[in-house]
Amino acid sequence: MISSINYHDANLRYSDLGRGDPVVLIHGYLESLEIWNGFADKLAEHYRVISVDLPGHGQSGIFSTMNTMAIMADSVKAILDHLSIGRAVIIGHSMGGYATLALADIFPEITVGFCLFHSHALSDTEEKRLNRDREALLVKEGKKSQVINLNIPNAFASDNHAAFQQQIEWAKEIALGTPDRGITCALEGMKARPDRRDVLKNSIQPVLIIAGKKDYYIPFKVYEEHFNLASQTDVLILENSGHMGFIEEKEKALEGVLKYLNKVYE
């Protein structure tokens, strides 16, 4: 079921599937809750799965000039409060992982455990901030499609492009539906986010790190630096995935996530 709430005079959209212990899926940059289609359905055979549209993405509105990770975390908490869900496992993809860390940092009482799905806890490098500025400028100049036509294919491992061409085009369609202001507000928010490695180091909840061995956006050595930060860390390495493992290696990713969820909720 897809529904929405009003938050700070803006619409926040979410889907609510299945029954049982709650799992929250947070999408990444240029994505929407639809990016989890299929993956969420499979998880919902075992758990209650809440997928959200972050502010400025999908069909959720914007209520700030900068969508910081704290604002994204607040938005997810507002949806969980509306649904009377006090605690849940949070799974965040890419930018959604940054929001997940903010949620675990600001509202630690909510997280039973959390997963960084092709994400990390570092702040942006200066080079990355400059790249985000260039990307925002292209969007402001009306060249959003140029950003999308570069970013989306690069999210898939290069040797997966032929096999997943249909999925790449579908992901582009989702990205094209992202409002220009939603894109620029998210870019500003990602630029401003702090280093949150301490959230991992101090976590008393079990953590799952999912790494794509062929990830264009996150070097594998960055993933490796995260494997031992938390006291309870499960690691899933997707050997044939780039940045979209829930599509590129869906069955292996599902198996790993379900194994982790079963452990957390046993």
C-alpha atoms as a PDB file:
ATOM      1  CA  MET A   1       0.000   0.000   0.000  1.00  0.00           C
ATOM      2  CA  ILE A   2       1.326   3.439  -0.967  1.00  0.00           C
ATOM      3  CA  SER A   3       0.277   6.401   1.145  1.00  0.00           C
ATOM      4  CA  SER A   4       1.606   9.726   2.388  1.00  0.00           C
ATOM      5  CA  ILE A   5       1.661  12.071   5.347  1.00  0.00           C
ATOM      6  CA  ASN A   6       1.932  15.827   5.612  1.00  0.00           C
ATOM      7  CA  TYR A   7       5.123  17.019   7.242  1.00  0.00           C
ATOM      8  CA  HIS A   8       6.083  20.706   7.486  1.00  0.00           C
ATOM      9  CA  ASP A   9       3.417  21.417   4.854  1.00  0.00           C
ATOM     10  CA  ALA A  10       5.045  18.972   2.432  1.00  0.00           C
ATOM     11  CA  ASN A  11       3.994  15.537   1.245  1.00  0.00           C
ATOM     12  CA  LEU A  12       6.041  12.533   2.407  1.00  0.00           C
ATOM     13  CA  ARG A  13       5.244   9.350   0.476  1.00  0.00           C
ATOM     14  CA  TYR A  14       5.839   5.803   1.657  1.00  0.00           C
ATOM     15  CA  SER A  15       4.819   2.218   0.954  1.00  0.00           C
ATOM     16  CA  ASP A  16       3.865  -0.337   3.587  1.00  0.00           C
ATOM     17  CA  LEU A  17       4.088  -4.020   2.646  1.00  0.00           C
ATOM     18  CA  GLY A  18       3.857  -7.293   4.546  1.00  0.00           C
ATOM     19  CA  ARG A  19       3.564  -8.083   8.228  1.00  0.00           C
ATOM     20  CA  GLY A  20       5.863  -8.790  11.108  1.00  0.00           C
ATOM     21  CA  ASP A  21       8.990  -7.115  12.425  1.00  0.00           C
ATOM     22  CA  PRO A  22       9.603  -3.786  10.644  1.00  0.00           C
ATOM     23  CA  VAL A  23      12.297  -3.076   8.077  1.00  0.00           C
ATOM     24  CA  VAL A  24      12.751   0.384   6.533  1.00  0.00           C
ATOM     25  CA  LEU A  25      14.236   0.808   3.043  1.00  0.00           C
ATOM     26  CA  ILE A  26      15.749   4.215   2.226  1.00  0.00           C
ATOM     27  CA  HIS A  27      16.627   4.853  -1.417  1.00  0.00           C
ATOM     28  CA  GLY A  28      19.613   6.717  -2.774  1.00  0.00           C
ATOM     29  CA  TYR A  29      20.282   9.860  -4.800  1.00  0.00           C
ATOM     30  CA  LEU A  30      18.150  10.213  -7.970  1.00  0.00           C
ATOM     31  CA  GLU A  31      15.990   7.309  -6.818  1.00  0.00           C
ATOM     32  CA  SER A  32      12.552   6.799  -5.289  1.00  0.00           C
ATOM     33  CA  LEU A  33      10.882   4.040  -3.295  1.00  0.00           C
ATOM     34  CA  GLU A  34      10.150   2.310  -6.622  1.00  0.00           C
ATOM     35  CA  ILE A  35      13.841   1.460  -6.973  1.00  0.00           C
ATOM     36  CA  TRP A  36      13.201  -1.276  -4.373  1.00  0.00           C
ATOM     37  CA  ASN A  37      10.424  -2.882  -6.470  1.00  0.00           C
ATOM     38  CA  GLY A  38      10.806  -6.648  -6.392  1.00  0.00           C
ATOM     39  CA  PHE A  39      13.383  -6.543  -3.603  1.00  0.00           C
ATOM     40  CA  ALA A  40      10.874  -5.047  -1.147  1.00  0.00           C
ATOM     41  CA  ASP A  41       8.207  -7.519  -2.262  1.00  0.00           C
ATOM     42  CA  LYS A  42      10.471 -10.453  -1.463  1.00  0.00           C
ATOM     43  CA  LEU A  43      11.417  -9.054   1.957  1.00  0.00           C
ATOM     44  CA  ALA A  44       7.717  -8.470   2.650  1.00  0.00           C
ATOM     45  CA  GLU A  45       7.122 -12.208   2.477  1.00  0.00           C
ATOM     46  CA  HIS A  46       8.867 -12.346   5.855  1.00  0.00           C
ATOM     47  CA  TYR A  47       8.766  -8.821   7.348  1.00  0.00           C
ATOM     48  CA  ARG A  48       6.805  -5.592   7.379  1.00  0.00           C
ATOM     49  CA  VAL A  49       8.650  -3.422   4.853  1.00  0.00           C
ATOM     50  CA  ILE A  50       8.364   0.365   4.827  1.00  0.00           C
ATOM     51  CA  SER A  51       9.913   2.117   1.810  1.00  0.00           C
ATOM     52  CA  VAL A  52      10.080   5.916   1.748  1.00  0.00           C
ATOM     53  CA  ASP A  53      10.482   8.733  -0.740  1.00  0.00           C
ATOM     54  CA  LEU A  54      13.045  11.091   0.776  1.00  0.00           C
ATOM     55  CA  PRO A  55      12.256  14.823   0.586  1.00  0.00           C
ATOM     56  CA  GLY A  56      12.631  16.129  -2.959  1.00  0.00           C
ATOM     57  CA  HIS A  57      12.716  12.646  -4.454  1.00  0.00           C
ATOM     58  CA  GLY A  58       9.935  10.522  -5.898  1.00  0.00           C
ATOM     59  CA  GLN A  59       6.650  12.153  -4.937  1.00  0.00           C
ATOM     60  CA  SER A  60       7.777  13.644  -1.630  1.00  0.00           C
ATOM     61  CA  GLY A  61       7.876  17.414  -1.334  1.00  0.00           C
ATOM     62  CA  ILE A  62      10.618  19.779  -0.229  1.00  0.00           C
ATOM     63  CA  PHE A  63      10.550  21.908   2.901  1.00  0.00           C
ATOM     64  CA  SER A  64      14.145  23.154   3.118  1.00  0.00           C
ATOM     65  CA  THR A  65      16.738  24.828   0.922  1.00  0.00           C
ATOM     66  CA  MET A  66      19.193  22.088   1.863  1.00  0.00           C
ATOM     67  CA  ASN A  67      18.110  18.499   2.440  1.00  0.00           C
ATOM     68  CA  THR A  68      20.630  17.587   5.102  1.00  0.00           C
ATOM     69  CA  MET A  69      20.916  14.012   6.258  1.00  0.00           C
ATOM     70  CA  ALA A  70      19.361  15.129   9.556  1.00  0.00           C
ATOM     71  CA  ILE A  71      16.304  16.436   7.681  1.00  0.00           C
ATOM     72  CA  MET A  72      16.071  13.133   5.830  1.00  0.00           C
ATOM     73  CA  ALA A  73      16.325  11.266   9.144  1.00  0.00           C
ATOM     74  CA  ASP A  74      13.584  13.472  10.621  1.00  0.00           C
ATOM     75  CA  SER A  75      11.367  12.661   7.639  1.00  0.00           C
ATOM     76  CA  VAL A  76      11.807   8.915   8.062  1.00  0.00           C
ATOM     77  CA  LYS A  77      11.103   9.197  11.792  1.00  0.00           C
ATOM     78  CA  ALA A  78       7.932  11.182  11.054  1.00  0.00           C
ATOM     79  CA  ILE A  79       6.663   8.344   8.868  1.00  0.00           C
ATOM     80  CA  LEU A  80       7.547   5.733  11.496  1.00  0.00           C
ATOM     81  CA  ASP A  81       5.814   7.802  14.186  1.00  0.00           C
ATOM     82  CA  HIS A  82       2.738   8.051  11.973  1.00  0.00           C
ATOM     83  CA  LEU A  83       2.737   4.257  11.623  1.00  0.00           C
ATOM     84  CA  SER A  84       3.342   3.776  15.382  1.00  0.00           C
ATOM     85  CA  ILE A  85       6.588   1.911  14.668  1.00  0.00           C
ATOM     86  CA  GLY A  86       8.933   2.439  17.608  1.00  0.00           C
ATOM     87  CA  ARG A  87      11.920   0.410  16.465  1.00  0.00           C
ATOM     88  CA  ALA A  88      13.042  -1.042  13.150  1.00  0.00           C
ATOM     89  CA  VAL A  89      15.986  -2.243  11.121  1.00  0.00           C
ATOM     90  CA  ILE A  90      17.013   0.540   8.747  1.00  0.00           C
ATOM     91  CA  ILE A  91      18.534  -0.266   5.343  1.00  0.00           C
ATOM     92  CA  GLY A  92      19.927   2.633   3.336  1.00  0.00           C
ATOM     93  CA  HIS A  93      21.244   2.601  -0.219  1.00  0.00           C
ATOM     94  CA  SER A  94      24.006   5.075  -1.093  1.00  0.00           C
ATOM     95  CA  MET A  95      22.681   8.520  -0.020  1.00  0.00           C
ATOM     96  CA  GLY A  96      20.041   6.567   1.894  1.00  0.00           C
ATOM     97  CA  GLY A  97      22.922   5.063   3.871  1.00  0.00           C
ATOM     98  CA  TYR A  98      24.028   8.566   4.868  1.00  0.00           C
ATOM     99  CA  ALA A  99      20.461   9.215   6.053  1.00  0.00           C
ATOM    100  CA  THR A 100      20.495   5.868   7.877  1.00  0.00           C
ATOM    101  CA  LEU A 101      23.631   6.863   9.787  1.00  0.00           C
ATOM    102  CA  ALA A 102      22.027  10.194  10.679  1.00  0.00           C
ATOM    103  CA  LEU A 103      18.967   8.335  11.958  1.00  0.00           C
ATOM    104  CA  ALA A 104      21.133   6.000  14.047  1.00  0.00           C
ATOM    105  CA  ASP A 105      23.067   9.009  15.351  1.00  0.00           C
ATOM    106  CA  ILE A 106      20.152  11.314  16.168  1.00  0.00           C
ATOM    107  CA  PHE A 107      17.510   8.704  17.070  1.00  0.00           C
ATOM    108  CA  PRO A 108      19.469   5.671  18.321  1.00  0.00           C
ATOM    109  CA  GLU A 109      16.391   4.408  20.168  1.00  0.00           C
ATOM    110  CA  ILE A 110      14.744   3.673  16.807  1.00  0.00           C
ATOM    111  CA  THR A 111      17.348   1.374  15.306  1.00  0.00           C
ATOM    112  CA  VAL A 112      17.332  -2.326  16.108  1.00  0.00           C
ATOM    113  CA  GLY A 113      20.118  -2.606  13.581  1.00  0.00           C
ATOM    114  CA  PHE A 114      21.119  -0.918  10.344  1.00  0.00           C
ATOM    115  CA  CYS A 115      22.584  -1.729   6.955  1.00  0.00           C
ATOM    116  CA  LEU A 116      24.770   0.397   4.710  1.00  0.00           C
ATOM    117  CA  PHE A 117      23.930  -0.880   1.225  1.00  0.00           C
ATOM    118  CA  HIS A 118      26.638   0.481  -1.075  1.00  0.00           C
ATOM    119  CA  SER A 119      27.283   3.355   1.320  1.00  0.00           C
ATOM    120  CA  HIS A 120      29.837   4.570   3.848  1.00  0.00           C
ATOM    121  CA  ALA A 121      30.295   6.851   6.852  1.00  0.00           C
ATOM    122  CA  LEU A 122      32.877   9.306   5.496  1.00  0.00           C
ATOM    123  CA  SER A 123      32.213  12.958   4.745  1.00  0.00           C
ATOM    124  CA  ASP A 124      32.792  14.286   1.234  1.00  0.00           C
ATOM    125  CA  THR A 125      36.312  14.969   0.059  1.00  0.00           C
ATOM    126  CA  GLU A 126      36.985  18.383  -1.437  1.00  0.00           C
ATOM    127  CA  GLU A 127      37.087  16.787  -4.882  1.00  0.00           C
ATOM    128  CA  LYS A 128      33.676  15.208  -4.300  1.00  0.00           C
ATOM    129  CA  ARG A 129      32.218  18.529  -3.137  1.00  0.00           C
ATOM    130  CA  LEU A 130      33.444  20.222  -6.300  1.00  0.00           C
ATOM    131  CA  ASN A 131      31.888  17.440  -8.383  1.00  0.00           C
ATOM    132  CA  ARG A 132      28.575  17.959  -6.587  1.00  0.00           C
ATOM    133  CA  ASP A 133      28.800  21.705  -7.318  1.00  0.00           C
ATOM    134  CA  ARG A 134      29.368  20.990 -11.009  1.00  0.00           C
ATOM    135  CA  GLU A 135      26.432  18.593 -11.021  1.00  0.00           C
ATOM    136  CA  ALA A 136      24.157  21.139  -9.337  1.00  0.00           C
ATOM    137  CA  LEU A 137      25.188  23.766 -11.888  1.00  0.00           C
ATOM    138  CA  LEU A 138      24.278  21.459 -14.764  1.00  0.00           C
ATOM    139  CA  VAL A 139      20.848  20.884 -13.236  1.00  0.00           C
ATOM    140  CA  LYS A 140      20.318  24.634 -12.762  1.00  0.00           C
ATOM    141  CA  GLU A 141      21.272  25.137 -16.416  1.00  0.00           C
ATOM    142  CA  GLY A 142      18.521  22.733 -17.480  1.00  0.00           C
ATOM    143  CA  LYS A 143      20.898  19.846 -18.203  1.00  0.00           C
ATOM    144  CA  LYS A 144      19.501  17.306 -15.749  1.00  0.00           C
ATOM    145  CA  SER A 145      19.392  14.602 -18.426  1.00  0.00           C
ATOM    146  CA  GLN A 146      23.136  14.987 -18.925  1.00  0.00           C
ATOM    147  CA  VAL A 147      23.702  14.262 -15.219  1.00  0.00           C
ATOM    148  CA  ILE A 148      21.368  11.265 -15.305  1.00  0.00           C
ATOM    149  CA  ASN A 149      22.769   9.772 -18.513  1.00  0.00           C
ATOM    150  CA  LEU A 150      26.195   9.715 -16.857  1.00  0.00           C
ATOM    151  CA  ASN A 151      25.309   8.787 -13.279  1.00  0.00           C
ATOM    152  CA  ILE A 152      22.832   5.967 -13.775  1.00  0.00           C
ATOM    153  CA  PRO A 153      24.872   3.719 -16.111  1.00  0.00           C
ATOM    154  CA  ASN A 154      27.917   4.271 -13.891  1.00  0.00           C
ATOM    155  CA  ALA A 155      25.902   2.874 -10.972  1.00  0.00           C
ATOM    156  CA  PHE A 156      25.973  -0.533 -12.661  1.00  0.00           C
ATOM    157  CA  ALA A 157      29.173  -2.524 -13.166  1.00  0.00           C
ATOM    158  CA  SER A 158      30.400  -1.873 -16.704  1.00  0.00           C
ATOM    159  CA  ASP A 159      30.249  -5.542 -17.639  1.00  0.00           C
ATOM    160  CA  ASN A 160      26.597  -5.654 -16.489  1.00  0.00           C
ATOM    161  CA  HIS A 161      25.378  -2.930 -18.850  1.00  0.00           C
ATOM    162  CA  ALA A 162      24.240  -5.244 -21.625  1.00  0.00           C
ATOM    163  CA  ALA A 163      22.422  -7.663 -19.301  1.00  0.00           C
ATOM    164  CA  PHE A 164      20.718  -4.888 -17.332  1.00  0.00           C
ATOM    165  CA  GLN A 165      19.997  -2.363 -20.085  1.00  0.00           C
ATOM    166  CA  GLN A 166      16.261  -2.470 -19.364  1.00  0.00           C
ATOM    167  CA  GLN A 167      16.861  -1.825 -15.659  1.00  0.00           C
ATOM    168  CA  ILE A 168      19.266   1.013 -16.473  1.00  0.00           C
ATOM    169  CA  GLU A 169      16.622   2.721 -18.627  1.00  0.00           C
ATOM    170  CA  TRP A 170      14.040   2.199 -15.876  1.00  0.00           C
ATOM    171  CA  ALA A 171      16.383   3.752 -13.286  1.00  0.00           C
ATOM    172  CA  LYS A 172      16.892   6.697 -15.645  1.00  0.00           C
ATOM    173  CA  GLU A 173      13.136   7.216 -15.816  1.00  0.00           C
ATOM    174  CA  ILE A 174      12.951   7.336 -12.020  1.00  0.00           C
ATOM    175  CA  ALA A 175      15.837   9.814 -11.941  1.00  0.00           C
ATOM    176  CA  LEU A 176      14.243  12.039 -14.599  1.00  0.00           C
ATOM    177  CA  GLY A 177      11.182  12.281 -12.366  1.00  0.00           C
ATOM    178  CA  THR A 178      13.259  13.820  -9.576  1.00  0.00           C
ATOM    179  CA  PRO A 179      12.538  17.578  -9.375  1.00  0.00           C
ATOM    180  CA  ASP A 180      15.481  19.820 -10.175  1.00  0.00           C
ATOM    181  CA  ARG A 181      15.238  21.464  -6.769  1.00  0.00           C
ATOM    182  CA  GLY A 182      15.130  18.053  -5.104  1.00  0.00           C
ATOM    183  CA  ILE A 183      18.415  17.179  -6.802  1.00  0.00           C
ATOM    184  CA  THR A 184      20.188  20.408  -5.860  1.00  0.00           C
ATOM    185  CA  CYS A 185      18.907  20.294  -2.269  1.00  0.00           C
ATOM    186  CA  ALA A 186      20.178  16.713  -1.914  1.00  0.00           C
ATOM    187  CA  LEU A 187      23.566  17.625  -3.372  1.00  0.00           C
ATOM    188  CA  GLU A 188      23.905  20.465  -0.858  1.00  0.00           C
ATOM    189  CA  GLY A 189      22.901  18.116   1.951  1.00  0.00           C
ATOM    190  CA  MET A 190      25.437  15.475   0.975  1.00  0.00           C
ATOM    191  CA  LYS A 191      28.191  18.083   0.735  1.00  0.00           C
ATOM    192  CA  ALA A 192      27.442  19.244   4.279  1.00  0.00           C
ATOM    193  CA  ARG A 193      27.189  15.865   5.965  1.00  0.00           C
ATOM    194  CA  PRO A 194      29.675  15.068   8.753  1.00  0.00           C
ATOM    195  CA  ASP A 195      31.908  12.056   9.128  1.00  0.00           C
ATOM    196  CA  ARG A 196      29.868   9.471  11.046  1.00  0.00           C
ATOM    197  CA  ARG A 197      32.361   6.663  11.575  1.00  0.00           C
ATOM    198  CA  ASP A 198      31.826   7.110  15.306  1.00  0.00           C
ATOM    199  CA  VAL A 199      28.212   5.987  14.838  1.00  0.00           C
ATOM    200  CA  LEU A 200      29.556   2.661  13.624  1.00  0.00           C
ATOM    201  CA  LYS A 201      32.253   2.478  16.286  1.00  0.00           C
ATOM    202  CA  ASN A 202      29.764   3.179  19.069  1.00  0.00           C
ATOM    203  CA  SER A 203      26.931   1.032  17.752  1.00  0.00           C
ATOM    204  CA  ILE A 204      25.624  -1.603  20.121  1.00  0.00           C
ATOM    205  CA  GLN A 205      23.295  -2.852  17.397  1.00  0.00           C
ATOM    206  CA  PRO A 206      24.426  -5.284  14.699  1.00  0.00           C
ATOM    207  CA  VAL A 207      25.478  -3.651  11.437  1.00  0.00           C
ATOM    208  CA  LEU A 208      25.438  -5.040   7.906  1.00  0.00           C
ATOM    209  CA  ILE A 209      27.817  -3.655   5.272  1.00  0.00           C
ATOM    210  CA  ILE A 210      27.025  -4.597   1.665  1.00  0.00           C
ATOM    211  CA  ALA A 211      29.837  -3.863  -0.776  1.00  0.00           C
ATOM    212  CA  GLY A 212      29.957  -4.077  -4.545  1.00  0.00           C
ATOM    213  CA  LYS A 213      33.329  -5.350  -5.716  1.00  0.00           C
ATOM    214  CA  LYS A 214      32.908  -3.429  -9.000  1.00  0.00           C
ATOM    215  CA  ASP A 215      31.457  -0.248  -7.508  1.00  0.00           C
ATOM    216  CA  TYR A 216      32.431   2.807  -9.584  1.00  0.00           C
ATOM    217  CA  TYR A 217      31.376   5.268  -6.882  1.00  0.00           C
ATOM    218  CA  ILE A 218      32.905   3.683  -3.774  1.00  0.00           C
ATOM    219  CA  PRO A 219      36.402   2.163  -4.044  1.00  0.00           C
ATOM    220  CA  PHE A 220      36.531  -1.246  -2.411  1.00  0.00           C
ATOM    221  CA  LYS A 221      39.290  -0.066  -0.060  1.00  0.00           C
ATOM    222  CA  VAL A 222      36.770   2.388   1.430  1.00  0.00           C
ATOM    223  CA  TYR A 223      34.410  -0.494   2.109  1.00  0.00           C
ATOM    224  CA  GLU A 224      37.243  -2.464   3.716  1.00  0.00           C
ATOM    225  CA  GLU A 225      37.908   0.413   6.132  1.00  0.00           C
ATOM    226  CA  HIS A 226      34.330  -0.025   7.418  1.00  0.00           C
ATOM    227  CA  PHE A 227      34.310  -3.781   7.929  1.00  0.00           C
ATOM    228  CA  ASN A 228      35.692  -3.680  11.472  1.00  0.00           C
ATOM    229  CA  LEU A 229      34.415  -0.359  12.805  1.00  0.00           C
ATOM    230  CA  ALA A 230      31.341  -1.709  14.589  1.00  0.00           C
ATOM    231  CA  SER A 231      31.650  -4.393  17.252  1.00  0.00           C
ATOM    232  CA  GLN A 232      28.987  -6.514  15.515  1.00  0.00           C
ATOM    233  CA  THR A 233      29.452  -6.289  11.756  1.00  0.00           C
ATOM    234  CA  ASP A 234      28.240  -8.644   9.074  1.00  0.00           C
ATOM    235  CA  VAL A 235      29.804  -8.159   5.648  1.00  0.00           C
ATOM    236  CA  LEU A 236      28.294  -9.144   2.321  1.00  0.00           C
ATOM    237  CA  ILE A 237      30.539  -8.728  -0.723  1.00  0.00           C
ATOM    238  CA  LEU A 238      28.767  -8.799  -4.075  1.00  0.00           C
ATOM    239  CA  GLU A 239      31.524  -9.861  -6.441  1.00  0.00           C
ATOM    240  CA  ASN A 240      29.639  -9.052  -9.645  1.00  0.00           C
ATOM    241  CA  SER A 241      27.917  -5.824  -8.627  1.00  0.00           C
ATOM    242  CA  GLY A 242      28.613  -2.160  -8.993  1.00  0.00           C
ATOM    243  CA  HIS A 243      26.484   0.251  -6.949  1.00  0.00           C
ATOM    244  CA  MET A 244      23.119  -1.466  -7.532  1.00  0.00           C
ATOM    245  CA  GLY A 245      23.518  -4.889  -5.956  1.00  0.00           C
ATOM    246  CA  PHE A 246      19.812  -5.260  -5.118  1.00  0.00           C
ATOM    247  CA  ILE A 247      19.327  -5.359  -8.897  1.00  0.00           C
ATOM    248  CA  GLU A 248      22.633  -6.732 -10.206  1.00  0.00           C
ATOM    249  CA  GLU A 249      22.811  -9.637  -7.726  1.00  0.00           C
ATOM    250  CA  LYS A 250      19.290  -9.582  -6.361  1.00  0.00           C
ATOM    251  CA  GLU A 251      19.135 -13.179  -5.083  1.00  0.00           C
ATOM    252  CA  LYS A 252      22.483 -13.057  -3.301  1.00  0.00           C
ATOM    253  CA  ALA A 253      21.640  -9.665  -1.796  1.00  0.00           C
ATOM    254  CA  LEU A 254      18.241 -10.912  -0.619  1.00  0.00           C
ATOM    255  CA  GLU A 255      19.789 -13.987   0.939  1.00  0.00           C
ATOM    256  CA  GLY A 256      22.320 -11.856   2.814  1.00  0.00           C
ATOM    257  CA  VAL A 257      19.786  -9.318   4.021  1.00  0.00           C
ATOM    258  CA  LEU A 258      17.341 -12.004   5.168  1.00  0.00           C
ATOM    259  CA  LYS A 259      20.099 -13.828   7.028  1.00  0.00           C
ATOM    260  CA  TYR A 260      20.995 -10.584   8.790  1.00  0.00           C
ATOM    261  CA  LEU A 261      17.371  -9.731   9.610  1.00  0.00           C
ATOM    262  CA  ASN A 262      16.767 -13.216  10.981  1.00  0.00           C
ATOM    263  CA  LYS A 263      19.752 -12.776  13.282  1.00  0.00           C
ATOM    264  CA  VAL A 264      18.650  -9.337  14.475  1.00  0.00           C
ATOM    265  CA  TYR A 265      15.062 -10.373  15.117  1.00  0.00           C
ATOM    266  CA  GLU A 266      15.606 -13.903  16.399  1.00  0.00           C
END
